[in-house]
PDB file of N, CA and C in Angstrom:
ATOM      1  N   UNK A   1     -10.566  -4.426  -0.837  1.00  0.00           N
ATOM      2  CA  UNK A   1     -10.015  -3.509  -1.809  1.00  0.00           C
ATOM      3  C   UNK A   1      -9.380  -4.316  -2.925  1.00  0.00           C
ATOM      4  N   UNK A   2      -9.715  -4.004  -4.169  1.00  0.00           N
ATOM      5  CA  UNK A   2      -9.107  -4.646  -5.329  1.00  0.00           C
ATOM      6  C   UNK A   2      -8.145  -3.654  -5.957  1.00  0.00           C
ATOM      7  N   UNK A   3      -6.938  -4.086  -6.235  1.00  0.00           N
ATOM      8  CA  UNK A   3      -5.919  -3.197  -6.783  1.00  0.00           C
ATOM      9  C   UNK A   3      -5.586  -3.637  -8.202  1.00  0.00           C
ATOM     10  N   UNK A   4      -6.033  -2.869  -9.184  1.00  0.00           N
ATOM     11  CA  UNK A   4      -5.751  -3.191 -10.576  1.00  0.00           C
ATOM     12  C   UNK A   4      -4.351  -2.716 -10.961  1.00  0.00           C
ATOM     13  N   UNK A   5      -3.930  -1.604 -10.406  1.00  0.00           N
ATOM     14  CA  UNK A   5      -2.637  -1.011 -10.751  1.00  0.00           C
ATOM     15  C   UNK A   5      -1.937  -0.562  -9.474  1.00  0.00           C
ATOM     16  N   UNK A   6      -1.092  -1.433  -8.902  1.00  0.00           N
ATOM     17  CA  UNK A   6      -0.424  -1.074  -7.643  1.00  0.00           C
ATOM     18  C   UNK A   6       0.381   0.219  -7.712  1.00  0.00           C
ATOM     19  N   UNK A   7       1.005   0.503  -8.850  1.00  0.00           N
ATOM     20  CA  UNK A   7       1.779   1.745  -8.968  1.00  0.00           C
ATOM     21  C   UNK A   7       0.863   2.962  -8.857  1.00  0.00           C
ATOM     22  N   UNK A   8      -0.325   2.883  -9.461  1.00  0.00           N
ATOM     23  CA  UNK A   8      -1.276   3.990  -9.374  1.00  0.00           C
ATOM     24  C   UNK A   8      -1.766   4.152  -7.936  1.00  0.00           C
ATOM     25  N   UNK A   9      -1.987   3.023  -7.252  1.00  0.00           N
ATOM     26  CA  UNK A   9      -2.404   3.086  -5.854  1.00  0.00           C
ATOM     27  C   UNK A   9      -1.329   3.777  -5.021  1.00  0.00           C
ATOM     28  N   UNK A  10      -0.089   3.402  -5.251  1.00  0.00           N
ATOM     29  CA  UNK A  10       1.024   3.999  -4.512  1.00  0.00           C
ATOM     30  C   UNK A  10       1.058   5.503  -4.738  1.00  0.00           C
ATOM     31  N   UNK A  11       0.916   5.933  -5.994  1.00  0.00           N
ATOM     32  CA  UNK A  11       0.932   7.361  -6.308  1.00  0.00           C
ATOM     33  C   UNK A  11      -0.238   8.071  -5.637  1.00  0.00           C
ATOM     34  N   UNK A  12      -1.403   7.430  -5.637  1.00  0.00           N
ATOM     35  CA  UNK A  12      -2.587   8.030  -5.018  1.00  0.00           C
ATOM     36  C   UNK A  12      -2.411   8.159  -3.510  1.00  0.00           C
ATOM     37  N   UNK A  13      -1.874   7.120  -2.893  1.00  0.00           N
ATOM     38  CA  UNK A  13      -1.645   7.187  -1.451  1.00  0.00           C
ATOM     39  C   UNK A  13      -0.655   8.289  -1.120  1.00  0.00           C
ATOM     40  N   UNK A  14       0.391   8.422  -1.922  1.00  0.00           N
ATOM     41  CA  UNK A  14       1.360   9.499  -1.696  1.00  0.00           C
ATOM     42  C   UNK A  14       0.687  10.851  -1.887  1.00  0.00           C
ATOM     43  N   UNK A  15      -0.147  10.953  -2.937  1.00  0.00           N
ATOM     44  CA  UNK A  15      -0.818  12.216  -3.226  1.00  0.00           C
ATOM     45  C   UNK A  15      -1.773  12.601  -2.110  1.00  0.00           C
ATOM     46  N   UNK A  16      -2.311  11.616  -1.419  1.00  0.00           N
ATOM     47  CA  UNK A  16      -3.233  11.883  -0.325  1.00  0.00           C
ATOM     48  C   UNK A  16      -2.498  12.040   1.007  1.00  0.00           C
ATOM     49  N   UNK A  17      -1.206  12.311   0.930  1.00  0.00           N
ATOM     50  CA  UNK A  17      -0.388  12.592   2.105  1.00  0.00           C
ATOM     51  C   UNK A  17      -0.365  11.427   3.089  1.00  0.00           C
ATOM     52  N   UNK A  18       0.157  10.316   2.624  1.00  0.00           N
ATOM     53  CA  UNK A  18       0.309   9.133   3.470  1.00  0.00           C
ATOM     54  C   UNK A  18       1.796   8.974   3.795  1.00  0.00           C
ATOM     55  N   UNK A  19       2.329   9.803   4.679  1.00  0.00           N
ATOM     56  CA  UNK A  19       3.765   9.765   4.944  1.00  0.00           C
ATOM     57  C   UNK A  19       4.238   8.448   5.540  1.00  0.00           C
ATOM     58  N   UNK A  20       3.317   7.660   6.086  1.00  0.00           N
ATOM     59  CA  UNK A  20       3.709   6.394   6.681  1.00  0.00           C
ATOM     60  C   UNK A  20       3.807   5.252   5.691  1.00  0.00           C
ATOM     61  N   UNK A  21       3.493   5.503   4.407  1.00  0.00           N
ATOM     62  CA  UNK A  21       3.572   4.444   3.405  1.00  0.00           C
ATOM     63  C   UNK A  21       5.027   4.041   3.211  1.00  0.00           C
ATOM     64  N   UNK A  22       5.328   2.770   3.443  1.00  0.00           N
ATOM     65  CA  UNK A  22       6.714   2.324   3.394  1.00  0.00           C
ATOM     66  C   UNK A  22       7.076   1.543   2.147  1.00  0.00           C
ATOM     67  N   UNK A  23       6.164   0.734   1.650  1.00  0.00           N
ATOM     68  CA  UNK A  23       6.512  -0.037   0.457  1.00  0.00           C
ATOM     69  C   UNK A  23       5.237  -0.545  -0.186  1.00  0.00           C
ATOM     70  N   UNK A  24       5.359  -0.844  -1.433  1.00  0.00           N
ATOM     71  CA  UNK A  24       4.246  -1.448  -2.156  1.00  0.00           C
ATOM     72  C   UNK A  24       4.846  -2.396  -3.165  1.00  0.00           C
ATOM     73  N   UNK A  25       4.412  -3.625  -3.128  1.00  0.00           N
ATOM     74  CA  UNK A  25       4.908  -4.610  -4.080  1.00  0.00           C
ATOM     75  C   UNK A  25       3.795  -5.593  -4.377  1.00  0.00           C
ATOM     76  N   UNK A  26       3.965  -6.337  -5.452  1.00  0.00           N
ATOM     77  CA  UNK A  26       2.994  -7.367  -5.808  1.00  0.00           C
ATOM     78  C   UNK A  26       3.710  -8.704  -5.763  1.00  0.00           C
ATOM     79  N   UNK A  27       3.134  -9.626  -4.996  1.00  0.00           N
ATOM     80  CA  UNK A  27       3.697 -10.972  -4.878  1.00  0.00           C
ATOM     81  C   UNK A  27       2.589 -11.980  -5.144  1.00  0.00           C
ATOM     82  N   UNK A  28       2.789 -12.808  -6.144  1.00  0.00           N
ATOM     83  CA  UNK A  28       1.829 -13.885  -6.447  1.00  0.00           C
ATOM     84  C   UNK A  28       0.403 -13.359  -6.589  1.00  0.00           C
ATOM     85  N   UNK A  29       0.264 -12.216  -7.254  1.00  0.00           N
ATOM     86  CA  UNK A  29      -1.060 -11.659  -7.489  1.00  0.00           C
ATOM     87  C   UNK A  29      -1.663 -10.908  -6.321  1.00  0.00           C
ATOM     88  N   UNK A  30      -0.885 -10.675  -5.290  1.00  0.00           N
ATOM     89  CA  UNK A  30      -1.369  -9.951  -4.113  1.00  0.00           C
ATOM     90  C   UNK A  30      -0.537  -8.676  -3.948  1.00  0.00           C
ATOM     91  N   UNK A  31      -1.226  -7.538  -3.880  1.00  0.00           N
ATOM     92  CA  UNK A  31      -0.538  -6.276  -3.607  1.00  0.00           C
ATOM     93  C   UNK A  31      -0.336  -6.189  -2.094  1.00  0.00           C
ATOM     94  N   UNK A  32       0.877  -5.863  -1.692  1.00  0.00           N
ATOM     95  CA  UNK A  32       1.209  -5.779  -0.270  1.00  0.00           C
ATOM     96  C   UNK A  32       1.853  -4.422  -0.019  1.00  0.00           C
ATOM     97  N   UNK A  33       1.309  -3.705   0.954  1.00  0.00           N
ATOM     98  CA  UNK A  33       1.979  -2.478   1.345  1.00  0.00           C
ATOM     99  C   UNK A  33       1.902  -2.319   2.842  1.00  0.00           C
ATOM    100  N   UNK A  34       2.795  -1.521   3.373  1.00  0.00           N
ATOM    101  CA  UNK A  34       2.795  -1.306   4.821  1.00  0.00           C
ATOM    102  C   UNK A  34       2.712   0.184   5.109  1.00  0.00           C
ATOM    103  N   UNK A  35       2.045   0.473   6.180  1.00  0.00           N
ATOM    104  CA  UNK A  35       1.892   1.839   6.667  1.00  0.00           C
ATOM    105  C   UNK A  35       2.369   1.883   8.108  1.00  0.00           C
ATOM    106  N   UNK A  36       2.946   2.985   8.491  1.00  0.00           N
ATOM    107  CA  UNK A  36       3.329   3.177   9.882  1.00  0.00           C
ATOM    108  C   UNK A  36       2.507   4.343  10.409  1.00  0.00           C
ATOM    109  N   UNK A  37       1.726   4.082  11.458  1.00  0.00           N
ATOM    110  CA  UNK A  37       0.855   5.128  11.997  1.00  0.00           C
ATOM    111  C   UNK A  37       1.659   6.090  12.876  1.00  0.00           C
ATOM    112  N   UNK A  38       1.046   7.197  13.289  1.00  0.00           N
ATOM    113  CA  UNK A  38       1.764   8.205  14.083  1.00  0.00           C
ATOM    114  C   UNK A  38       2.340   7.669  15.386  1.00  0.00           C
ATOM    115  N   UNK A  39       1.795   6.559  15.898  1.00  0.00           N
ATOM    116  CA  UNK A  39       2.315   5.977  17.133  1.00  0.00           C
ATOM    117  C   UNK A  39       3.442   4.986  16.886  1.00  0.00           C
ATOM    118  N   UNK A  40       3.797   4.777  15.618  1.00  0.00           N
ATOM    119  CA  UNK A  40       4.880   3.864  15.288  1.00  0.00           C
ATOM    120  C   UNK A  40       4.451   2.434  15.045  1.00  0.00           C
ATOM    121  N   UNK A  41       3.155   2.161  15.034  1.00  0.00           N
ATOM    122  CA  UNK A  41       2.658   0.808  14.751  1.00  0.00           C
ATOM    123  C   UNK A  41       2.658   0.565  13.246  1.00  0.00           C
ATOM    124  N   UNK A  42       2.964  -0.651  12.856  1.00  0.00           N
ATOM    125  CA  UNK A  42       2.982  -1.007  11.438  1.00  0.00           C
ATOM    126  C   UNK A  42       1.727  -1.781  11.075  1.00  0.00           C
ATOM    127  N   UNK A  43       1.085  -1.356   9.993  1.00  0.00           N
ATOM    128  CA  UNK A  43      -0.091  -2.027   9.451  1.00  0.00           C
ATOM    129  C   UNK A  43       0.294  -2.575   8.085  1.00  0.00           C
ATOM    130  N   UNK A  44       0.144  -3.870   7.898  1.00  0.00           N
ATOM    131  CA  UNK A  44       0.429  -4.486   6.605  1.00  0.00           C
ATOM    132  C   UNK A  44      -0.898  -4.798   5.936  1.00  0.00           C
ATOM    133  N   UNK A  45      -1.054  -4.326   4.717  1.00  0.00           N
ATOM    134  CA  UNK A  45      -2.296  -4.498   3.974  1.00  0.00           C
ATOM    135  C   UNK A  45      -2.019  -5.380   2.771  1.00  0.00           C
ATOM    136  N   UNK A  46      -2.855  -6.386   2.588  1.00  0.00           N
ATOM    137  CA  UNK A  46      -2.758  -7.279   1.434  1.00  0.00           C
ATOM    138  C   UNK A  46      -4.102  -7.275   0.723  1.00  0.00           C
ATOM    139  N   UNK A  47      -4.088  -7.131  -0.590  1.00  0.00           N
ATOM    140  CA  UNK A  47      -5.327  -7.163  -1.353  1.00  0.00           C
ATOM    141  C   UNK A  47      -5.041  -7.707  -2.752  1.00  0.00           C
ATOM    142  N   UNK A  48      -6.061  -8.241  -3.428  1.00  0.00           N
ATOM    143  CA  UNK A  48      -5.862  -8.815  -4.751  1.00  0.00           C
ATOM    144  C   UNK A  48      -5.348  -7.773  -5.738  1.00  0.00           C
ATOM    145  N   UNK A  49      -4.396  -8.157  -6.548  1.00  0.00           N
ATOM    146  CA  UNK A  49      -3.895  -7.294  -7.619  1.00  0.00           C
ATOM    147  C   UNK A  49      -4.358  -7.905  -8.931  1.00  0.00           C
ATOM    148  N   UNK A  50      -4.624  -7.102  -9.871  1.00  0.00           N
ATOM    149  CA  UNK A  50      -5.039  -7.680 -11.132  1.00  0.00           C
ATOM    150  C   UNK A  50      -5.740  -6.715 -11.929  1.00  0.00           C
TER     151      UNK A  50
END
């Protein structure tokens, strides 16, 4: 997944009812966000930002 606009991705994920979305930030050109699934497991996703 390539993320050109992390803020837009965050808004889209929220709009698609992603209640487990915890944070979204860009560090050193990498968008990082975490999701918590219904069982309480955390998934950290990293993808190129740009």
